[in-house]
Amino acid sequence: MNGDFEDCCVTATKGDIFFDSPYAPLNPSSFDSYTKEGFEIDEHIRLAELFDELTDRGCFCMLTNHNTDLINSLYSNKGYKLEVVKVRRFINSDSRNRKGEEIIICNY
């Protein structure tokens, strides 16, 4: 499904939902413009609120993102499973700086 994530989930019922949203920026120069409108902090907050709502509806939700303070603050202390994984990135021109961490967030 393609569109605003809230609109796509209006009729969601028990089932599996994976959110592949634009990642939170690691720093101000990080790439985060998948659309001309961008995906700012407010959208990350909206997504976290939707994740909570869908959890309350009995949906099984999973989301991945950069392991940042912002993402941790939005999803920690809610009983969700948060798993940090090491990743290699291919977009950095300096191969020594291609390592990073992502976080997998599940409500099940």
Protein backbone atom coordinates (compact mmCIF):
# COMPACT_ATOMS: atom_id res chain seq x y z
CA MET A 1 0.00 0.00 0.00
CA ASN A 2 1.28 3.46 -0.79
CA GLY A 3 0.10 6.69 0.79
CA ASP A 4 -0.08 8.48 4.10
CA PHE A 5 0.55 5.86 6.76
CA GLU A 6 -2.44 6.93 8.87
CA ASP A 7 -4.82 6.67 5.91
CA CYS A 8 -3.47 3.23 5.04
CA CYS A 9 -4.22 1.92 8.54
CA VAL A 10 -7.73 3.30 9.10
CA THR A 11 -9.35 -0.10 8.60
CA ALA A 12 -6.51 -2.22 9.99
CA THR A 13 -7.61 -5.07 12.18
CA LYS A 14 -5.77 -7.93 13.80
CA GLY A 15 -2.95 -8.89 11.47
CA ASP A 16 0.64 -8.11 10.65
CA ILE A 17 1.84 -4.60 9.79
CA PHE A 18 5.42 -3.65 8.87
CA PHE A 19 6.34 0.03 8.73
CA ASP A 20 9.17 0.90 6.34
CA SER A 21 9.17 4.61 7.01
CA PRO A 22 11.97 7.02 6.18
CA TYR A 23 14.65 6.71 8.83
CA ALA A 24 15.23 9.36 11.47
CA PRO A 25 18.32 11.42 10.61
CA LEU A 26 21.56 10.46 12.33
CA ASN A 27 22.69 14.07 12.07
CA PRO A 28 21.49 17.25 10.32
CA SER A 29 23.21 16.32 7.05
CA SER A 30 21.71 12.82 6.93
CA PHE A 31 19.59 11.89 3.95
CA ASP A 32 15.88 11.88 4.87
CA SER A 33 14.07 13.30 1.84
CA TYR A 34 12.26 10.41 0.21
CA THR A 35 9.54 12.81 -0.89
CA LYS A 36 9.48 16.52 -1.61
CA GLU A 37 7.66 17.02 1.70
CA GLY A 38 10.31 15.10 3.66
CA PHE A 39 9.61 13.06 6.78
CA GLU A 40 10.23 15.27 9.77
CA ILE A 41 10.16 14.69 13.53
CA ASP A 42 6.41 15.40 13.61
CA GLU A 43 5.83 12.48 11.22
CA HIS A 44 7.92 10.19 13.43
CA ILE A 45 5.76 11.23 16.40
CA ARG A 46 2.57 10.57 14.39
CA LEU A 47 3.91 7.16 13.41
CA ALA A 48 4.69 6.27 17.04
CA GLU A 49 1.17 7.31 18.05
CA LEU A 50 -0.28 5.16 15.27
CA PHE A 51 1.92 2.23 16.37
CA ASP A 52 0.40 2.60 19.87
CA GLU A 53 -3.15 2.78 18.47
CA LEU A 54 -2.66 -0.29 16.29
CA THR A 55 -1.21 -2.15 19.27
CA ASP A 56 -4.38 -1.33 21.20
CA ARG A 57 -6.42 -2.70 18.27
CA GLY A 58 -4.58 -6.03 18.44
CA CYS A 59 -2.43 -5.61 15.33
CA PHE A 60 1.03 -7.17 15.28
CA CYS A 61 3.36 -4.31 14.31
CA MET A 62 7.04 -4.14 13.42
CA LEU A 63 9.11 -1.09 12.53
CA THR A 64 12.79 -0.55 11.76
CA ASN A 65 14.77 2.66 11.99
CA HIS A 66 18.14 4.13 12.92
CA ASN A 67 19.03 3.57 16.56
CA THR A 68 18.72 7.22 17.63
CA ASP A 69 17.70 8.98 20.81
CA LEU A 70 14.54 10.19 19.06
CA ILE A 71 13.38 6.72 18.06
CA ASN A 72 14.25 5.26 21.45
CA SER A 73 12.31 8.01 23.21
CA LEU A 74 9.22 7.35 21.07
CA TYR A 75 9.09 3.57 21.58
CA SER A 76 10.83 2.69 24.85
CA ASN A 77 8.98 2.25 28.15
CA LYS A 78 5.86 1.00 26.38
CA GLY A 79 6.47 -2.73 26.67
CA TYR A 80 7.63 -3.08 23.06
CA LYS A 81 10.50 -5.37 22.14
CA LEU A 82 13.45 -3.26 20.97
CA GLU A 83 16.43 -5.02 19.41
CA VAL A 84 19.53 -3.16 18.26
CA VAL A 85 21.36 -4.71 15.31
CA LYS A 86 24.67 -3.82 13.67
CA VAL A 87 24.42 -2.94 9.98
CA ARG A 88 26.69 -1.97 7.12
CA ARG A 89 25.68 0.97 5.01
CA PHE A 90 26.61 1.34 1.37
CA ILE A 91 25.90 5.04 0.85
CA ASN A 92 28.95 6.45 2.66
CA SER A 93 31.88 7.17 0.36
CA ASP A 94 34.33 6.26 3.15
CA SER A 95 34.08 2.50 3.68
CA ARG A 96 35.39 2.87 7.26
CA ASN A 97 32.25 4.83 8.17
CA ARG A 98 29.73 2.40 6.73
CA LYS A 99 28.97 0.66 10.03
CA GLY A 100 25.94 1.63 12.02
CA GLU A 101 23.12 0.48 14.25
CA GLU A 102 19.47 0.04 13.49
CA ILE A 103 16.66 -0.81 15.84
CA ILE A 104 13.85 -3.29 15.31
CA ILE A 105 10.69 -2.49 17.25
CA CYS A 106 7.95 -5.09 17.72
CA ASN A 107 4.80 -5.12 19.79
CA TYR A 108 4.70 -8.92 19.92
